[in-house]
Amino acid sequence: MDDRTPPLPRFVIVGAQKSATRWLRTNLGEHPDIFVPPSEVHFWNVAGRVKNEGLEWYRDQFDGWNGEPIVGEATPGYMIWRHHPEWVATRMKRAMPDLKLIALLRNPIDRASSALVHHIRRGRLPPDSRLVDVVRARRPPEKDRLCLVSGGWYAASLRPFLDTYGDSLLVLWQDDIGLDPTSVYESALAHVGASPDFRPEGLSKVIFSNRQDFGSAYVLTYEDRLELWEYFRDDVARLEKLLGVDLSRWEPRWDDPPAEPATIAPEPTTAVAAESVLVAAEPVVDEAEPRVGAADSPMDEAEARTKWWSRRRTQA
């Protein structure tokens, strides 16, 4: 490898989708010691690409590297349950055994709501879609290629990375960004080994949100959130044990205000253009290695509650 060839990444942001990964990628990329590509790479979660294109293709995605000592990337698809995180983690470990991983997690109900708007914006769902109706229509969630529910099965998706990389996985929380973005940023810098004496000028403002364009059109009712919670309850309980945290704040309460980001700034035009090029490579296009069964699905224990909701709607 000559001096002009980018090194393999020192860190990868693996997810979760619609959980401020772009905010973190953008702000880490502002650091003078860090280089990240301007958009998602989608390498380790595409088996054919890993096999046929190899590391040469992967290195090519870091075009623009100018000798920065720390290289990273962010592809939330790596952590999506339908993309076999256990395979993704194994592939990454073989090529990058000393890699640092970062996962940003968000209330899975809010993540699903944001994902719905994401797919509406890309023409995959009608503009008048309601999250609860779409989730009902696309059951079982294990087979939903839009990953509205399975994209929020964090315990099932993080376990392989934790088993493979151990303490090299840093878990951050999306709701902390609105409260204290500097602390979140500092934690990420320390984890990847970057100097702590740099702050992006717009650190507290560069938060991207689908609500910017769609406002309150897709705000969920308390009843909606209760129904959706049944798809996540068991996985969240496992996540609490896995990470040793209390996530009771995610459980729906009747007096919860609608979830809103603390600050919203417009997405840079260049970033939008770069992302649009990769629409065909987003997690919705996963024929290469979809889940062929649901034996290990987090929904196994929730099936009875899902049927209960169905009976309740029928009786209503």
C-alpha atoms as a PDB file:
ATOM      1  CA  MET A   1       0.000   0.000   0.000  1.00  0.00           C
ATOM      2  CA  ASP A   2       1.487   3.381  -1.048  1.00  0.00           C
ATOM      3  CA  ASP A   3       1.129   6.675   0.804  1.00  0.00           C
ATOM      4  CA  ARG A   4      -1.860   7.693  -1.335  1.00  0.00           C
ATOM      5  CA  THR A   5      -3.938   4.619  -0.503  1.00  0.00           C
ATOM      6  CA  PRO A   6      -6.408   5.239   2.334  1.00  0.00           C
ATOM      7  CA  PRO A   7      -5.954   2.981   5.353  1.00  0.00           C
ATOM      8  CA  LEU A   8      -8.807   0.820   6.508  1.00  0.00           C
ATOM      9  CA  PRO A   9     -11.075   2.569   9.012  1.00  0.00           C
ATOM     10  CA  ARG A  10     -10.150   2.907  12.645  1.00  0.00           C
ATOM     11  CA  PHE A  11     -13.828   3.287  13.548  1.00  0.00           C
ATOM     12  CA  VAL A  12     -17.240   2.487  12.112  1.00  0.00           C
ATOM     13  CA  ILE A  13     -20.621   3.862  13.173  1.00  0.00           C
ATOM     14  CA  VAL A  14     -22.828   0.781  12.760  1.00  0.00           C
ATOM     15  CA  GLY A  15     -26.250   2.272  13.548  1.00  0.00           C
ATOM     16  CA  ALA A  16     -28.971   2.609  14.342  1.00  0.00           C
ATOM     17  CA  GLN A  17     -30.726   3.905  11.262  1.00  0.00           C
ATOM     18  CA  LYS A  18     -32.622   7.202  11.843  1.00  0.00           C
ATOM     19  CA  SER A  19     -30.838   7.751  15.169  1.00  0.00           C
ATOM     20  CA  ALA A  20     -28.581  10.751  14.405  1.00  0.00           C
ATOM     21  CA  THR A  21     -25.774   8.744  12.810  1.00  0.00           C
ATOM     22  CA  ARG A  22     -25.446  11.420  10.131  1.00  0.00           C
ATOM     23  CA  TRP A  23     -25.114  14.075  12.821  1.00  0.00           C
ATOM     24  CA  LEU A  24     -22.255  12.137  14.401  1.00  0.00           C
ATOM     25  CA  ARG A  25     -20.600  11.307  11.083  1.00  0.00           C
ATOM     26  CA  THR A  26     -20.776  14.949   9.970  1.00  0.00           C
ATOM     27  CA  ASN A  27     -19.327  16.357  13.182  1.00  0.00           C
ATOM     28  CA  LEU A  28     -16.575  13.769  13.502  1.00  0.00           C
ATOM     29  CA  GLY A  29     -15.653  14.505   9.899  1.00  0.00           C
ATOM     30  CA  GLU A  30     -15.145  18.176  10.818  1.00  0.00           C
ATOM     31  CA  HIS A  31     -12.273  17.205  13.117  1.00  0.00           C
ATOM     32  CA  PRO A  32      -8.909  17.908  11.442  1.00  0.00           C
ATOM     33  CA  ASP A  33      -7.557  14.477  12.444  1.00  0.00           C
ATOM     34  CA  ILE A  34     -10.535  12.520  11.083  1.00  0.00           C
ATOM     35  CA  PHE A  35     -11.663  11.623   7.573  1.00  0.00           C
ATOM     36  CA  VAL A  36     -15.057  10.073   6.821  1.00  0.00           C
ATOM     37  CA  PRO A  37     -16.791   9.645   3.444  1.00  0.00           C
ATOM     38  CA  PRO A  38     -19.716  12.032   2.901  1.00  0.00           C
ATOM     39  CA  SER A  39     -22.264   9.225   2.648  1.00  0.00           C
ATOM     40  CA  GLU A  40     -22.964   5.651   3.709  1.00  0.00           C
ATOM     41  CA  VAL A  41     -20.687   2.943   2.297  1.00  0.00           C
ATOM     42  CA  HIS A  42     -22.792  -0.265   2.505  1.00  0.00           C
ATOM     43  CA  PHE A  43     -19.943  -2.738   2.184  1.00  0.00           C
ATOM     44  CA  TRP A  44     -19.906  -5.199   5.058  1.00  0.00           C
ATOM     45  CA  ASN A  45     -23.668  -5.834   4.882  1.00  0.00           C
ATOM     46  CA  VAL A  46     -23.604  -6.782   1.178  1.00  0.00           C
ATOM     47  CA  ALA A  47     -22.125 -10.277   0.859  1.00  0.00           C
ATOM     48  CA  GLY A  48     -21.675 -10.110  -2.908  1.00  0.00           C
ATOM     49  CA  ARG A  49     -19.775  -6.845  -2.656  1.00  0.00           C
ATOM     50  CA  VAL A  50     -17.425  -8.214   0.000  1.00  0.00           C
ATOM     51  CA  LYS A  51     -16.779 -11.371  -2.031  1.00  0.00           C
ATOM     52  CA  ASN A  52     -16.558  -9.926  -5.534  1.00  0.00           C
ATOM     53  CA  GLU A  53     -15.251  -6.389  -5.034  1.00  0.00           C
ATOM     54  CA  GLY A  54     -13.151  -6.901  -1.917  1.00  0.00           C
ATOM     55  CA  LEU A  55     -11.119  -4.442   0.113  1.00  0.00           C
ATOM     56  CA  GLU A  56      -9.918  -2.593  -2.976  1.00  0.00           C
ATOM     57  CA  TRP A  57     -13.492  -1.423  -3.625  1.00  0.00           C
ATOM     58  CA  TYR A  58     -13.880  -0.564   0.062  1.00  0.00           C
ATOM     59  CA  ARG A  59     -10.753   1.582   0.085  1.00  0.00           C
ATOM     60  CA  ASP A  60     -11.996   3.389  -3.017  1.00  0.00           C
ATOM     61  CA  GLN A  61     -14.948   4.692  -1.011  1.00  0.00           C
ATOM     62  CA  PHE A  62     -12.530   6.818   1.016  1.00  0.00           C
ATOM     63  CA  ASP A  63     -11.553   8.922  -1.962  1.00  0.00           C
ATOM     64  CA  GLY A  64     -10.641  12.377  -0.718  1.00  0.00           C
ATOM     65  CA  TRP A  65      -8.525  11.135   2.180  1.00  0.00           C
ATOM     66  CA  ASN A  66      -5.664  13.563   2.639  1.00  0.00           C
ATOM     67  CA  GLY A  67      -3.466  11.853   5.190  1.00  0.00           C
ATOM     68  CA  GLU A  68      -5.742  12.280   8.224  1.00  0.00           C
ATOM     69  CA  PRO A  69      -4.511   9.855  10.919  1.00  0.00           C
ATOM     70  CA  ILE A  70      -8.017   8.577  11.731  1.00  0.00           C
ATOM     71  CA  VAL A  71     -10.369   7.178   9.095  1.00  0.00           C
ATOM     72  CA  GLY A  72     -13.941   6.120   9.775  1.00  0.00           C
ATOM     73  CA  GLU A  73     -17.298   5.524   8.150  1.00  0.00           C
ATOM     74  CA  ALA A  74     -20.962   5.313   9.090  1.00  0.00           C
ATOM     75  CA  THR A  75     -23.400   2.793   7.632  1.00  0.00           C
ATOM     76  CA  PRO A  76     -26.480   2.190   9.807  1.00  0.00           C
ATOM     77  CA  GLY A  77     -27.365  -0.814   7.673  1.00  0.00           C
ATOM     78  CA  TYR A  78     -24.619  -2.786   9.399  1.00  0.00           C
ATOM     79  CA  MET A  79     -26.771  -3.021  12.519  1.00  0.00           C
ATOM     80  CA  ILE A  80     -30.124  -3.794  10.923  1.00  0.00           C
ATOM     81  CA  TRP A  81     -31.418  -7.194  12.036  1.00  0.00           C
ATOM     82  CA  ARG A  82     -32.420  -8.308   8.534  1.00  0.00           C
ATOM     83  CA  HIS A  83     -28.839  -7.771   7.367  1.00  0.00           C
ATOM     84  CA  HIS A  84     -27.443 -10.461   9.651  1.00  0.00           C
ATOM     85  CA  PRO A  85     -25.313  -8.404  12.075  1.00  0.00           C
ATOM     86  CA  GLU A  86     -23.599 -11.642  13.124  1.00  0.00           C
ATOM     87  CA  TRP A  87     -22.226 -12.019   9.580  1.00  0.00           C
ATOM     88  CA  VAL A  88     -21.367  -8.332   9.343  1.00  0.00           C
ATOM     89  CA  ALA A  89     -19.420  -8.420  12.622  1.00  0.00           C
ATOM     90  CA  THR A  90     -17.498 -11.542  11.552  1.00  0.00           C
ATOM     91  CA  ARG A  91     -16.489 -10.017   8.210  1.00  0.00           C
ATOM     92  CA  MET A  92     -15.371  -6.810   9.854  1.00  0.00           C
ATOM     93  CA  LYS A  93     -13.361  -8.619  12.527  1.00  0.00           C
ATOM     94  CA  ARG A  94     -11.404 -10.609   9.940  1.00  0.00           C
ATOM     95  CA  ALA A  95     -10.260  -7.472   8.132  1.00  0.00           C
ATOM     96  CA  MET A  96     -10.168  -4.981  11.021  1.00  0.00           C
ATOM     97  CA  PRO A  97      -9.593  -6.792  14.335  1.00  0.00           C
ATOM     98  CA  ASP A  98      -8.739  -3.590  16.235  1.00  0.00           C
ATOM     99  CA  LEU A  99     -11.701  -1.601  14.970  1.00  0.00           C
ATOM    100  CA  LYS A 100     -13.639   0.774  17.231  1.00  0.00           C
ATOM    101  CA  LEU A 101     -17.416   0.636  16.854  1.00  0.00           C
ATOM    102  CA  ILE A 102     -20.054   3.213  17.741  1.00  0.00           C
ATOM    103  CA  ALA A 103     -23.806   2.655  17.990  1.00  0.00           C
ATOM    104  CA  LEU A 104     -26.315   5.455  18.499  1.00  0.00           C
ATOM    105  CA  LEU A 105     -29.631   4.235  19.873  1.00  0.00           C
ATOM    106  CA  ARG A 106     -33.019   5.941  19.909  1.00  0.00           C
ATOM    107  CA  ASN A 107     -36.422   5.099  21.305  1.00  0.00           C
ATOM    108  CA  PRO A 108     -37.398   2.376  18.800  1.00  0.00           C
ATOM    109  CA  ILE A 109     -40.915   3.771  18.376  1.00  0.00           C
ATOM    110  CA  ASP A 110     -39.561   7.178  17.398  1.00  0.00           C
ATOM    111  CA  ARG A 111     -36.983   5.524  15.166  1.00  0.00           C
ATOM    112  CA  ALA A 112     -39.760   3.632  13.354  1.00  0.00           C
ATOM    113  CA  SER A 113     -41.752   6.844  12.957  1.00  0.00           C
ATOM    114  CA  SER A 114     -38.766   8.614  11.431  1.00  0.00           C
ATOM    115  CA  ALA A 115     -38.093   5.629   9.170  1.00  0.00           C
ATOM    116  CA  LEU A 116     -41.680   5.802   7.921  1.00  0.00           C
ATOM    117  CA  VAL A 117     -41.182   9.412   6.820  1.00  0.00           C
ATOM    118  CA  HIS A 118     -37.828   8.463   5.286  1.00  0.00           C
ATOM    119  CA  HIS A 119     -39.532   5.876   3.080  1.00  0.00           C
ATOM    120  CA  ILE A 120     -42.390   8.230   2.221  1.00  0.00           C
ATOM    121  CA  ARG A 121     -39.886  10.838   1.059  1.00  0.00           C
ATOM    122  CA  ARG A 122     -38.332   8.249  -1.241  1.00  0.00           C
ATOM    123  CA  GLY A 123     -41.654   7.194  -2.723  1.00  0.00           C
ATOM    124  CA  ARG A 124     -41.741   3.739  -1.155  1.00  0.00           C
ATOM    125  CA  LEU A 125     -44.921   4.447   0.820  1.00  0.00           C
ATOM    126  CA  PRO A 126     -47.961   6.671   0.115  1.00  0.00           C
ATOM    127  CA  PRO A 127     -47.872  10.167   1.661  1.00  0.00           C
ATOM    128  CA  ASP A 128     -50.925   9.435   3.833  1.00  0.00           C
ATOM    129  CA  SER A 129     -49.391   6.336   5.448  1.00  0.00           C
ATOM    130  CA  ARG A 130     -49.863   5.829   9.201  1.00  0.00           C
ATOM    131  CA  LEU A 131     -47.160   3.922  11.013  1.00  0.00           C
ATOM    132  CA  VAL A 132     -49.463   1.560  12.898  1.00  0.00           C
ATOM    133  CA  ASP A 133     -51.381   0.724   9.712  1.00  0.00           C
ATOM    134  CA  VAL A 134     -48.207   0.067   7.734  1.00  0.00           C
ATOM    135  CA  VAL A 135     -46.758  -2.122  10.482  1.00  0.00           C
ATOM    136  CA  ARG A 136     -49.981  -4.152  10.659  1.00  0.00           C
ATOM    137  CA  ALA A 137     -50.055  -4.576   6.876  1.00  0.00           C
ATOM    138  CA  ARG A 138     -46.401  -5.643   6.673  1.00  0.00           C
ATOM    139  CA  ARG A 139     -46.521  -8.340   9.355  1.00  0.00           C
ATOM    140  CA  PRO A 140     -44.634 -10.339  10.296  1.00  0.00           C
ATOM    141  CA  PRO A 141     -42.020  -7.633  10.909  1.00  0.00           C
ATOM    142  CA  GLU A 142     -39.229 -10.133  10.313  1.00  0.00           C
ATOM    143  CA  LYS A 143     -40.103 -10.111   6.608  1.00  0.00           C
ATOM    144  CA  ASP A 144     -40.643  -6.378   6.172  1.00  0.00           C
ATOM    145  CA  ARG A 145     -37.944  -5.164   3.760  1.00  0.00           C
ATOM    146  CA  LEU A 146     -38.424  -1.592   5.017  1.00  0.00           C
ATOM    147  CA  CYS A 147     -37.350  -2.778   8.488  1.00  0.00           C
ATOM    148  CA  LEU A 148     -39.751  -0.431  10.259  1.00  0.00           C
ATOM    149  CA  VAL A 149     -39.876  -2.674  13.328  1.00  0.00           C
ATOM    150  CA  SER A 150     -36.778  -4.864  12.993  1.00  0.00           C
ATOM    151  CA  GLY A 151     -34.600  -1.781  12.546  1.00  0.00           C
ATOM    152  CA  GLY A 152     -35.312  -1.090  16.234  1.00  0.00           C
ATOM    153  CA  TRP A 153     -34.433  -4.536  17.591  1.00  0.00           C
ATOM    154  CA  TYR A 154     -31.254  -3.251  19.177  1.00  0.00           C
ATOM    155  CA  ALA A 155     -30.435  -6.079  21.570  1.00  0.00           C
ATOM    156  CA  ALA A 156     -30.651  -8.704  18.838  1.00  0.00           C
ATOM    157  CA  SER A 157     -28.647  -6.508  16.460  1.00  0.00           C
ATOM    158  CA  LEU A 158     -25.975  -5.311  18.897  1.00  0.00           C
ATOM    159  CA  ARG A 159     -25.258  -8.661  20.521  1.00  0.00           C
ATOM    160  CA  PRO A 160     -23.035  -9.946  17.670  1.00  0.00           C
ATOM    161  CA  PHE A 161     -20.940  -6.776  17.688  1.00  0.00           C
ATOM    162  CA  LEU A 162     -20.600  -6.899  21.463  1.00  0.00           C
ATOM    163  CA  ASP A 163     -19.638 -10.573  21.367  1.00  0.00           C
ATOM    164  CA  THR A 164     -17.092  -9.918  18.614  1.00  0.00           C
ATOM    165  CA  TYR A 165     -15.588  -6.593  19.684  1.00  0.00           C
ATOM    166  CA  GLY A 166     -16.343  -6.342  23.398  1.00  0.00           C
ATOM    167  CA  ASP A 167     -15.335  -3.019  24.938  1.00  0.00           C
ATOM    168  CA  SER A 168     -14.437  -1.675  21.503  1.00  0.00           C
ATOM    169  CA  LEU A 169     -18.162  -0.995  21.047  1.00  0.00           C
ATOM    170  CA  LEU A 170     -19.351   2.363  22.373  1.00  0.00           C
ATOM    171  CA  VAL A 171     -23.106   2.869  22.803  1.00  0.00           C
ATOM    172  CA  LEU A 172     -24.464   6.424  22.743  1.00  0.00           C
ATOM    173  CA  TRP A 173     -28.028   7.700  23.058  1.00  0.00           C
ATOM    174  CA  GLN A 174     -29.787   9.895  20.539  1.00  0.00           C
ATOM    175  CA  ASP A 175     -31.808  11.768  23.153  1.00  0.00           C
ATOM    176  CA  ASP A 176     -28.562  12.881  24.834  1.00  0.00           C
ATOM    177  CA  ILE A 177     -27.673  14.883  21.720  1.00  0.00           C
ATOM    178  CA  GLY A 178     -30.492  17.322  22.354  1.00  0.00           C
ATOM    179  CA  LEU A 179     -29.537  17.645  26.027  1.00  0.00           C
ATOM    180  CA  ASP A 180     -25.757  17.841  25.765  1.00  0.00           C
ATOM    181  CA  PRO A 181     -24.312  17.410  22.256  1.00  0.00           C
ATOM    182  CA  THR A 182     -20.821  18.343  23.424  1.00  0.00           C
ATOM    183  CA  SER A 183     -20.635  15.410  25.845  1.00  0.00           C
ATOM    184  CA  VAL A 184     -21.812  12.985  23.169  1.00  0.00           C
ATOM    185  CA  TYR A 185     -19.216  14.347  20.755  1.00  0.00           C
ATOM    186  CA  GLU A 186     -16.447  14.190  23.354  1.00  0.00           C
ATOM    187  CA  SER A 187     -17.294  10.570  24.157  1.00  0.00           C
ATOM    188  CA  ALA A 188     -17.014   9.663  20.477  1.00  0.00           C
ATOM    189  CA  LEU A 189     -13.709  11.519  20.106  1.00  0.00           C
ATOM    190  CA  ALA A 190     -12.217   9.734  23.099  1.00  0.00           C
ATOM    191  CA  HIS A 191     -13.384   6.372  21.794  1.00  0.00           C
ATOM    192  CA  VAL A 192     -11.786   6.764  18.355  1.00  0.00           C
ATOM    193  CA  GLY A 193      -8.605   8.322  19.766  1.00  0.00           C
ATOM    194  CA  ALA A 194      -8.931  11.857  18.401  1.00  0.00           C
ATOM    195  CA  SER A 195      -7.642  14.935  20.211  1.00  0.00           C
ATOM    196  CA  PRO A 196     -10.292  16.520  22.458  1.00  0.00           C
ATOM    197  CA  ASP A 197      -9.419  20.160  21.713  1.00  0.00           C
ATOM    198  CA  PHE A 198     -11.641  20.682  18.647  1.00  0.00           C
ATOM    199  CA  ARG A 199     -15.345  21.538  18.443  1.00  0.00           C
ATOM    200  CA  PRO A 200     -17.281  22.003  15.200  1.00  0.00           C
ATOM    201  CA  GLU A 201     -18.882  25.437  15.017  1.00  0.00           C
ATOM    202  CA  GLY A 202     -22.371  24.042  14.451  1.00  0.00           C
ATOM    203  CA  LEU A 203     -22.170  21.127  16.849  1.00  0.00           C
ATOM    204  CA  SER A 204     -25.457  21.888  18.603  1.00  0.00           C
ATOM    205  CA  LYS A 205     -27.279  22.881  15.416  1.00  0.00           C
ATOM    206  CA  VAL A 206     -26.488  20.241  12.828  1.00  0.00           C
ATOM    207  CA  ILE A 207     -29.319  17.890  13.663  1.00  0.00           C
ATOM    208  CA  PHE A 208     -31.182  16.467  10.704  1.00  0.00           C
ATOM    209  CA  SER A 209     -34.842  15.625  11.023  1.00  0.00           C
ATOM    210  CA  ASN A 210     -37.668  14.442   8.807  1.00  0.00           C
ATOM    211  CA  ARG A 211     -39.947  16.646  10.894  1.00  0.00           C
ATOM    212  CA  GLN A 212     -38.430  19.652   9.168  1.00  0.00           C
ATOM    213  CA  ASP A 213     -40.460  18.861   6.042  1.00  0.00           C
ATOM    214  CA  PHE A 214     -43.396  16.964   7.518  1.00  0.00           C
ATOM    215  CA  GLY A 215     -44.049  18.782  10.789  1.00  0.00           C
ATOM    216  CA  SER A 216     -46.600  17.091  13.055  1.00  0.00           C
ATOM    217  CA  ALA A 217     -48.330  15.120  10.288  1.00  0.00           C
ATOM    218  CA  TYR A 218     -46.977  11.812  11.608  1.00  0.00           C
ATOM    219  CA  VAL A 219     -47.073  12.380  15.367  1.00  0.00           C
ATOM    220  CA  LEU A 220     -48.211   9.201  17.134  1.00  0.00           C
ATOM    221  CA  THR A 221     -51.059   9.036  19.614  1.00  0.00           C
ATOM    222  CA  TYR A 222     -50.659   7.374  22.985  1.00  0.00           C
ATOM    223  CA  GLU A 223     -52.726   4.422  21.699  1.00  0.00           C
ATOM    224  CA  ASP A 224     -50.461   4.139  18.655  1.00  0.00           C
ATOM    225  CA  ARG A 225     -47.379   4.072  20.851  1.00  0.00           C
ATOM    226  CA  LEU A 226     -48.871   1.435  23.139  1.00  0.00           C
ATOM    227  CA  GLU A 227     -49.580  -0.832  20.189  1.00  0.00           C
ATOM    228  CA  LEU A 228     -46.127  -0.337  18.692  1.00  0.00           C
ATOM    229  CA  TRP A 229     -44.420  -0.902  22.040  1.00  0.00           C
ATOM    230  CA  GLU A 230     -45.485  -4.552  21.949  1.00  0.00           C
ATOM    231  CA  TYR A 231     -43.139  -5.114  19.010  1.00  0.00           C
ATOM    232  CA  PHE A 232     -40.180  -3.813  21.027  1.00  0.00           C
ATOM    233  CA  ARG A 233     -40.911  -4.628  24.676  1.00  0.00           C
ATOM    234  CA  ASP A 234     -38.994  -7.901  24.879  1.00  0.00           C
ATOM    235  CA  ASP A 235     -36.003  -6.675  22.908  1.00  0.00           C
ATOM    236  CA  VAL A 236     -35.743  -3.549  25.084  1.00  0.00           C
ATOM    237  CA  ALA A 237     -35.775  -5.742  28.202  1.00  0.00           C
ATOM    238  CA  ARG A 238     -32.901  -7.757  26.727  1.00  0.00           C
ATOM    239  CA  LEU A 239     -31.058  -4.565  25.836  1.00  0.00           C
ATOM    240  CA  GLU A 240     -31.308  -3.359  29.446  1.00  0.00           C
ATOM    241  CA  LYS A 241     -29.662  -6.572  30.639  1.00  0.00           C
ATOM    242  CA  LEU A 242     -27.101  -6.558  27.829  1.00  0.00           C
ATOM    243  CA  LEU A 243     -25.894  -3.020  28.556  1.00  0.00           C
ATOM    244  CA  GLY A 244     -26.833  -2.717  32.236  1.00  0.00           C
ATOM    245  CA  VAL A 245     -29.030   0.341  31.677  1.00  0.00           C
ATOM    246  CA  ASP A 246     -32.526   1.480  32.599  1.00  0.00           C
ATOM    247  CA  LEU A 247     -34.641   2.247  29.531  1.00  0.00           C
ATOM    248  CA  SER A 248     -37.982   2.717  31.265  1.00  0.00           C
ATOM    249  CA  ARG A 249     -38.088   6.198  29.703  1.00  0.00           C
ATOM    250  CA  TRP A 250     -38.861   4.548  26.355  1.00  0.00           C
ATOM    251  CA  GLU A 251     -42.075   2.915  27.541  1.00  0.00           C
ATOM    252  CA  PRO A 252     -45.166   4.886  26.431  1.00  0.00           C
ATOM    253  CA  ARG A 253     -46.923   7.083  28.977  1.00  0.00           C
ATOM    254  CA  TRP A 254     -50.136   8.941  28.384  1.00  0.00           C
ATOM    255  CA  ASP A 255     -48.616  12.321  29.295  1.00  0.00           C
ATOM    256  CA  ASP A 256     -45.491  11.999  27.130  1.00  0.00           C
ATOM    257  CA  PRO A 257     -45.023  14.993  24.798  1.00  0.00           C
ATOM    258  CA  PRO A 258     -44.451  14.246  21.098  1.00  0.00           C
ATOM    259  CA  ALA A 259     -40.809  13.410  20.473  1.00  0.00           C
ATOM    260  CA  GLU A 260     -39.033  16.348  18.851  1.00  0.00           C
ATOM    261  CA  PRO A 261     -35.333  17.074  18.276  1.00  0.00           C
ATOM    262  CA  ALA A 262     -33.956  19.965  20.302  1.00  0.00           C
ATOM    263  CA  THR A 263     -32.661  21.853  17.283  1.00  0.00           C
ATOM    264  CA  ILE A 264     -33.312  21.420  13.597  1.00  0.00           C
ATOM    265  CA  ALA A 265     -31.081  22.708  10.844  1.00  0.00           C
ATOM    266  CA  PRO A 266     -31.546  22.159   7.100  1.00  0.00           C
ATOM    267  CA  GLU A 267     -29.658  19.298   5.503  1.00  0.00           C
ATOM    268  CA  PRO A 268     -26.724  20.477   3.370  1.00  0.00           C
ATOM    269  CA  THR A 269     -27.564  20.309  -0.327  1.00  0.00           C
ATOM    270  CA  THR A 270     -24.364  18.425  -1.074  1.00  0.00           C
ATOM    271  CA  ALA A 271     -25.133  15.781   1.521  1.00  0.00           C
ATOM    272  CA  VAL A 272     -28.618  15.264   0.129  1.00  0.00           C
ATOM    273  CA  ALA A 273     -27.225  14.888  -3.361  1.00  0.00           C
ATOM    274  CA  ALA A 274     -24.623  12.394  -2.182  1.00  0.00           C
ATOM    275  CA  GLU A 275     -27.197  10.358  -0.281  1.00  0.00           C
ATOM    276  CA  SER A 276     -29.543  10.222  -3.278  1.00  0.00           C
ATOM    277  CA  VAL A 277     -26.905   8.420  -5.290  1.00  0.00           C
ATOM    278  CA  LEU A 278     -26.983   5.604  -2.754  1.00  0.00           C
ATOM    279  CA  VAL A 279     -30.743   5.090  -2.617  1.00  0.00           C
ATOM    280  CA  ALA A 280     -30.389   1.797  -4.488  1.00  0.00           C
ATOM    281  CA  ALA A 281     -27.904   0.562  -1.875  1.00  0.00           C
ATOM    282  CA  GLU A 282     -30.009   1.377   1.171  1.00  0.00           C
ATOM    283  CA  PRO A 283     -31.180  -1.394   3.509  1.00  0.00           C
ATOM    284  CA  VAL A 284     -34.487  -1.789   1.654  1.00  0.00           C
ATOM    285  CA  VAL A 285     -32.556  -3.503  -1.139  1.00  0.00           C
ATOM    286  CA  ASP A 286     -31.435  -6.595   0.709  1.00  0.00           C
ATOM    287  CA  GLU A 287     -32.101  -9.509  -1.620  1.00  0.00           C
ATOM    288  CA  ALA A 288     -28.457 -10.565  -1.366  1.00  0.00           C
ATOM    289  CA  GLU A 289     -28.872 -12.089   2.086  1.00  0.00           C
ATOM    290  CA  PRO A 290     -32.311 -11.674   3.641  1.00  0.00           C
ATOM    291  CA  ARG A 291     -33.395 -13.531   6.730  1.00  0.00           C
ATOM    292  CA  VAL A 292     -34.806 -16.849   5.572  1.00  0.00           C
ATOM    293  CA  GLY A 293     -36.464 -17.699   8.863  1.00  0.00           C
ATOM    294  CA  ALA A 294     -37.637 -16.103  12.058  1.00  0.00           C
ATOM    295  CA  ALA A 295     -36.551 -18.662  14.620  1.00  0.00           C
ATOM    296  CA  ASP A 296     -34.273 -16.148  16.333  1.00  0.00           C
ATOM    297  CA  SER A 297     -36.669 -13.245  16.036  1.00  0.00           C
ATOM    298  CA  PRO A 298     -37.210 -10.930  19.026  1.00  0.00           C
ATOM    299  CA  MET A 299     -40.911 -11.227  18.214  1.00  0.00           C
ATOM    300  CA  ASP A 300     -41.184 -14.832  19.354  1.00  0.00           C
ATOM    301  CA  GLU A 301     -42.247 -13.894  22.869  1.00  0.00           C
ATOM    302  CA  ALA A 302     -44.437 -11.002  21.679  1.00  0.00           C
ATOM    303  CA  GLU A 303     -46.622 -13.040  19.329  1.00  0.00           C
ATOM    304  CA  ALA A 304     -49.384 -13.509  21.874  1.00  0.00           C
ATOM    305  CA  ARG A 305     -49.567  -9.790  22.583  1.00  0.00           C
ATOM    306  CA  THR A 306     -49.699  -9.017  18.854  1.00  0.00           C
ATOM    307  CA  LYS A 307     -52.664 -11.358  18.469  1.00  0.00           C
ATOM    308  CA  TRP A 308     -54.297  -9.648  21.432  1.00  0.00           C
ATOM    309  CA  TRP A 309     -54.051  -6.299  19.656  1.00  0.00           C
ATOM    310  CA  SER A 310     -55.627  -7.848  16.553  1.00  0.00           C
ATOM    311  CA  ARG A 311     -58.571  -9.156  18.562  1.00  0.00           C
ATOM    312  CA  ARG A 312     -58.985  -5.785  20.241  1.00  0.00           C
ATOM    313  CA  ARG A 313     -59.227  -3.996  16.894  1.00  0.00           C
ATOM    314  CA  THR A 314     -61.752  -6.556  15.624  1.00  0.00           C
ATOM    315  CA  GLN A 315     -63.947  -6.047  18.667  1.00  0.00           C
ATOM    316  CA  ALA A 316     -63.725  -2.257  18.545  1.00  0.00           C
END
